[in-house]
Amino acid sequence: MTFDELVEEVRQEGLYPTREKAERITRTVLAALGRQVTGEERVELAALLPGPAAMEFAAQIPATQRLTGFGFVQDIASRTGTSVGPARWDTGSVLCAVARLMDPGLLARILAQLPGGYALLFGQAQLTPTYTPAPTSVSTVPA
């Protein structure tokens, strides 16, 4: 996939009126993601991204403290000067397109290394363990 094809996919995913807006959002979200993903997953994802997208992603220094999914959206909102709602839409538009570039194993490993809240941004189900309360013992009192 070329960079232009990725931007066009983001434009269609996000229903953006212009290619320029889609490219700006793509670069912003990939830069933010580059500050969150580390290790072998970072290298593998950079290799899958088209040239300019890979450079935007890989040029970032990984953050020492990871953001939750909501924190990531708030970061995008502050960088783009929008509220959380549009930033959530923008983030999802880019990350869903990026997720389609990855095989399921890489996506699972990236989600495993990030704090909670990212799966939905990548268009995946956010599965959480169910809570099962410990059984309570019922004591009978002799009558």
C-alpha atoms as a PDB file:
ATOM      1  CA  MET A   1       0.000   0.000   0.000  1.00  0.00           C
ATOM      2  CA  THR A   2       1.265   3.484  -0.823  1.00  0.00           C
ATOM      3  CA  PHE A   3       0.972   6.492   1.451  1.00  0.00           C
ATOM      4  CA  ASP A   4      -1.630   8.013  -0.865  1.00  0.00           C
ATOM      5  CA  GLU A   5      -3.692   4.816  -0.652  1.00  0.00           C
ATOM      6  CA  LEU A   6      -3.483   4.847   3.151  1.00  0.00           C
ATOM      7  CA  VAL A   7      -4.593   8.482   3.287  1.00  0.00           C
ATOM      8  CA  GLU A   8      -7.454   7.720   0.892  1.00  0.00           C
ATOM      9  CA  GLU A   9      -8.519   4.807   3.095  1.00  0.00           C
ATOM     10  CA  VAL A  10      -8.479   7.108   6.141  1.00  0.00           C
ATOM     11  CA  ARG A  11     -10.435   9.733   4.175  1.00  0.00           C
ATOM     12  CA  GLN A  12     -13.117   7.185   3.343  1.00  0.00           C
ATOM     13  CA  GLU A  13     -13.138   5.649   6.840  1.00  0.00           C
ATOM     14  CA  GLY A  14     -13.488   9.060   8.492  1.00  0.00           C
ATOM     15  CA  LEU A  15     -15.720  10.601   5.824  1.00  0.00           C
ATOM     16  CA  TYR A  16     -13.325  13.555   5.527  1.00  0.00           C
ATOM     17  CA  PRO A  17     -14.167  16.064   2.790  1.00  0.00           C
ATOM     18  CA  THR A  18     -10.564  16.543   1.640  1.00  0.00           C
ATOM     19  CA  ARG A  19      -7.408  14.520   1.242  1.00  0.00           C
ATOM     20  CA  GLU A  20      -5.482  17.244   3.106  1.00  0.00           C
ATOM     21  CA  LYS A  21      -7.572  16.811   6.256  1.00  0.00           C
ATOM     22  CA  ALA A  22      -7.194  13.023   6.082  1.00  0.00           C
ATOM     23  CA  GLU A  23      -3.420  13.340   5.662  1.00  0.00           C
ATOM     24  CA  ARG A  24      -3.113  15.766   8.585  1.00  0.00           C
ATOM     25  CA  ILE A  25      -5.098  13.422  10.846  1.00  0.00           C
ATOM     26  CA  THR A  26      -3.128  10.392   9.634  1.00  0.00           C
ATOM     27  CA  ARG A  27       0.207  12.023  10.430  1.00  0.00           C
ATOM     28  CA  THR A  28      -0.973  13.261  13.842  1.00  0.00           C
ATOM     29  CA  VAL A  29      -2.335   9.881  14.959  1.00  0.00           C
ATOM     30  CA  LEU A  30       0.667   7.923  13.652  1.00  0.00           C
ATOM     31  CA  ALA A  31       3.059  10.271  15.450  1.00  0.00           C
ATOM     32  CA  ALA A  32       1.102   9.800  18.686  1.00  0.00           C
ATOM     33  CA  LEU A  33       1.075   6.022  18.189  1.00  0.00           C
ATOM     34  CA  GLY A  34       4.831   6.126  17.637  1.00  0.00           C
ATOM     35  CA  ARG A  35       5.197   7.517  21.159  1.00  0.00           C
ATOM     36  CA  GLN A  36       3.269   4.536  22.592  1.00  0.00           C
ATOM     37  CA  VAL A  37       4.416   1.385  20.765  1.00  0.00           C
ATOM     38  CA  THR A  38       7.834  -0.054  21.610  1.00  0.00           C
ATOM     39  CA  GLY A  39      10.005  -3.089  21.013  1.00  0.00           C
ATOM     40  CA  GLU A  40       9.749  -5.569  18.176  1.00  0.00           C
ATOM     41  CA  GLU A  41       6.135  -4.555  17.547  1.00  0.00           C
ATOM     42  CA  ARG A  42       7.297  -1.016  16.787  1.00  0.00           C
ATOM     43  CA  VAL A  43       9.798  -2.313  14.239  1.00  0.00           C
ATOM     44  CA  GLU A  44       7.256  -4.652  12.613  1.00  0.00           C
ATOM     45  CA  LEU A  45       4.573  -1.983  12.364  1.00  0.00           C
ATOM     46  CA  ALA A  46       6.997   0.566  10.915  1.00  0.00           C
ATOM     47  CA  ALA A  47       7.967  -1.992   8.253  1.00  0.00           C
ATOM     48  CA  LEU A  48       4.296  -2.395   7.241  1.00  0.00           C
ATOM     49  CA  LEU A  49       3.532   1.307   6.967  1.00  0.00           C
ATOM     50  CA  PRO A  50       4.154   3.104   3.669  1.00  0.00           C
ATOM     51  CA  GLY A  51       7.252   5.380   3.566  1.00  0.00           C
ATOM     52  CA  PRO A  52       6.019   8.758   4.884  1.00  0.00           C
ATOM     53  CA  ALA A  53       3.718   7.067   7.413  1.00  0.00           C
ATOM     54  CA  ALA A  54       6.571   4.867   8.658  1.00  0.00           C
ATOM     55  CA  MET A  55       8.829   7.901   9.037  1.00  0.00           C
ATOM     56  CA  GLU A  56       6.167   9.824  10.985  1.00  0.00           C
ATOM     57  CA  PHE A  57       5.619   6.821  13.271  1.00  0.00           C
ATOM     58  CA  ALA A  58       9.277   5.861  13.769  1.00  0.00           C
ATOM     59  CA  ALA A  59      10.577   9.427  14.234  1.00  0.00           C
ATOM     60  CA  GLN A  60       8.898   9.652  17.633  1.00  0.00           C
ATOM     61  CA  ILE A  61      10.699   8.889  20.862  1.00  0.00           C
ATOM     62  CA  PRO A  62       8.642   6.390  22.870  1.00  0.00           C
ATOM     63  CA  ALA A  63       7.069   7.917  25.959  1.00  0.00           C
ATOM     64  CA  THR A  64       8.275   6.782  29.361  1.00  0.00           C
ATOM     65  CA  GLN A  65       4.692   6.606  30.573  1.00  0.00           C
ATOM     66  CA  ARG A  66       2.031   5.000  28.405  1.00  0.00           C
ATOM     67  CA  LEU A  67      -1.336   6.637  27.897  1.00  0.00           C
ATOM     68  CA  THR A  68      -4.587   4.752  28.290  1.00  0.00           C
ATOM     69  CA  GLY A  69      -6.821   4.669  25.224  1.00  0.00           C
ATOM     70  CA  PHE A  70      -8.778   7.631  26.598  1.00  0.00           C
ATOM     71  CA  GLY A  71      -5.539   9.473  27.401  1.00  0.00           C
ATOM     72  CA  PHE A  72      -4.380   8.822  23.841  1.00  0.00           C
ATOM     73  CA  VAL A  73      -7.587  10.393  22.472  1.00  0.00           C
ATOM     74  CA  GLN A  74      -7.182  13.361  24.832  1.00  0.00           C
ATOM     75  CA  ASP A  75      -3.614  13.805  23.534  1.00  0.00           C
ATOM     76  CA  ILE A  76      -4.894  13.826  19.941  1.00  0.00           C
ATOM     77  CA  ALA A  77      -7.582  16.359  20.936  1.00  0.00           C
ATOM     78  CA  SER A  78      -5.012  18.709  22.464  1.00  0.00           C
ATOM     79  CA  ARG A  79      -2.693  18.403  19.446  1.00  0.00           C
ATOM     80  CA  THR A  80      -5.466  19.048  16.921  1.00  0.00           C
ATOM     81  CA  GLY A  81      -7.360  21.678  18.909  1.00  0.00           C
ATOM     82  CA  THR A  82     -10.593  19.680  18.948  1.00  0.00           C
ATOM     83  CA  SER A  83     -12.745  18.150  21.634  1.00  0.00           C
ATOM     84  CA  VAL A  84     -12.581  14.506  22.660  1.00  0.00           C
ATOM     85  CA  GLY A  85     -15.502  13.428  20.440  1.00  0.00           C
ATOM     86  CA  PRO A  86     -13.966  14.449  17.103  1.00  0.00           C
ATOM     87  CA  ALA A  87     -10.541  13.272  18.294  1.00  0.00           C
ATOM     88  CA  ARG A  88     -12.012   9.825  19.035  1.00  0.00           C
ATOM     89  CA  TRP A  89     -13.461   9.736  15.512  1.00  0.00           C
ATOM     90  CA  ASP A  90     -10.139  10.836  13.986  1.00  0.00           C
ATOM     91  CA  THR A  91      -8.146   8.327  15.997  1.00  0.00           C
ATOM     92  CA  GLY A  92     -10.450   5.458  15.096  1.00  0.00           C
ATOM     93  CA  SER A  93     -10.404   6.408  11.417  1.00  0.00           C
ATOM     94  CA  VAL A  94      -6.627   6.137  11.269  1.00  0.00           C
ATOM     95  CA  LEU A  95      -6.119   3.166  13.574  1.00  0.00           C
ATOM     96  CA  CYS A  96      -8.805   1.076  11.836  1.00  0.00           C
ATOM     97  CA  ALA A  97      -7.013   1.646   8.527  1.00  0.00           C
ATOM     98  CA  VAL A  98      -3.665   0.778  10.135  1.00  0.00           C
ATOM     99  CA  ALA A  99      -5.145  -2.359  11.720  1.00  0.00           C
ATOM    100  CA  ARG A 100      -6.052  -3.649   8.260  1.00  0.00           C
ATOM    101  CA  LEU A 101      -2.345  -3.558   7.349  1.00  0.00           C
ATOM    102  CA  MET A 102      -1.428  -5.866  10.233  1.00  0.00           C
ATOM    103  CA  ASP A 103      -1.864  -9.576  10.663  1.00  0.00           C
ATOM    104  CA  PRO A 104      -3.976 -10.508  13.705  1.00  0.00           C
ATOM    105  CA  GLY A 105      -0.920 -11.661  15.659  1.00  0.00           C
ATOM    106  CA  LEU A 106       0.878  -8.322  15.425  1.00  0.00           C
ATOM    107  CA  LEU A 107      -2.282  -6.428  16.310  1.00  0.00           C
ATOM    108  CA  ALA A 108      -2.817  -8.680  19.344  1.00  0.00           C
ATOM    109  CA  ARG A 109       0.778  -8.128  20.515  1.00  0.00           C
ATOM    110  CA  ILE A 110       0.474  -4.352  20.129  1.00  0.00           C
ATOM    111  CA  LEU A 111      -2.794  -4.322  22.070  1.00  0.00           C
ATOM    112  CA  ALA A 112      -1.221  -6.508  24.768  1.00  0.00           C
ATOM    113  CA  GLN A 113       1.587  -4.009  25.355  1.00  0.00           C
ATOM    114  CA  LEU A 114      -0.694  -0.954  25.493  1.00  0.00           C
ATOM    115  CA  PRO A 115      -2.870  -0.005  28.478  1.00  0.00           C
ATOM    116  CA  GLY A 116      -6.606  -0.603  28.276  1.00  0.00           C
ATOM    117  CA  GLY A 117      -8.851   1.221  25.867  1.00  0.00           C
ATOM    118  CA  TYR A 118      -6.978   0.822  22.585  1.00  0.00           C
ATOM    119  CA  ALA A 119      -8.819  -2.181  21.118  1.00  0.00           C
ATOM    120  CA  LEU A 120     -11.901  -0.153  20.239  1.00  0.00           C
ATOM    121  CA  LEU A 121      -9.733   2.516  18.638  1.00  0.00           C
ATOM    122  CA  PHE A 122      -8.324  -0.187  16.334  1.00  0.00           C
ATOM    123  CA  GLY A 123     -11.850  -1.398  15.554  1.00  0.00           C
ATOM    124  CA  GLN A 124     -11.525  -4.497  17.743  1.00  0.00           C
ATOM    125  CA  ALA A 125     -13.667  -5.782  20.581  1.00  0.00           C
ATOM    126  CA  GLN A 126     -12.394  -4.786  24.013  1.00  0.00           C
ATOM    127  CA  LEU A 127     -12.643  -8.085  25.833  1.00  0.00           C
ATOM    128  CA  THR A 128     -12.262  -7.996  29.565  1.00  0.00           C
ATOM    129  CA  PRO A 129     -12.360 -10.871  32.010  1.00  0.00           C
ATOM    130  CA  THR A 130     -15.712 -11.351  33.625  1.00  0.00           C
ATOM    131  CA  TYR A 131     -16.042 -10.984  37.345  1.00  0.00           C
ATOM    132  CA  THR A 132     -17.346 -14.006  39.142  1.00  0.00           C
ATOM    133  CA  PRO A 133     -17.976 -13.447  42.827  1.00  0.00           C
ATOM    134  CA  ALA A 134     -16.674 -16.077  45.203  1.00  0.00           C
ATOM    135  CA  PRO A 135     -19.358 -18.454  46.342  1.00  0.00           C
ATOM    136  CA  THR A 136     -20.759 -17.641  49.715  1.00  0.00           C
ATOM    137  CA  SER A 137     -21.447 -20.335  52.186  1.00  0.00           C
ATOM    138  CA  VAL A 138     -24.884 -20.492  53.631  1.00  0.00           C
ATOM    139  CA  SER A 139     -24.898 -21.556  57.201  1.00  0.00           C
ATOM    140  CA  THR A 140     -27.911 -23.045  58.749  1.00  0.00           C
ATOM    141  CA  VAL A 141     -28.707 -22.375  62.307  1.00  0.00           C
ATOM    142  CA  PRO A 142     -30.214 -25.331  64.133  1.00  0.00           C
ATOM    143  CA  ALA A 143     -33.734 -24.588  65.252  1.00  0.00           C
END
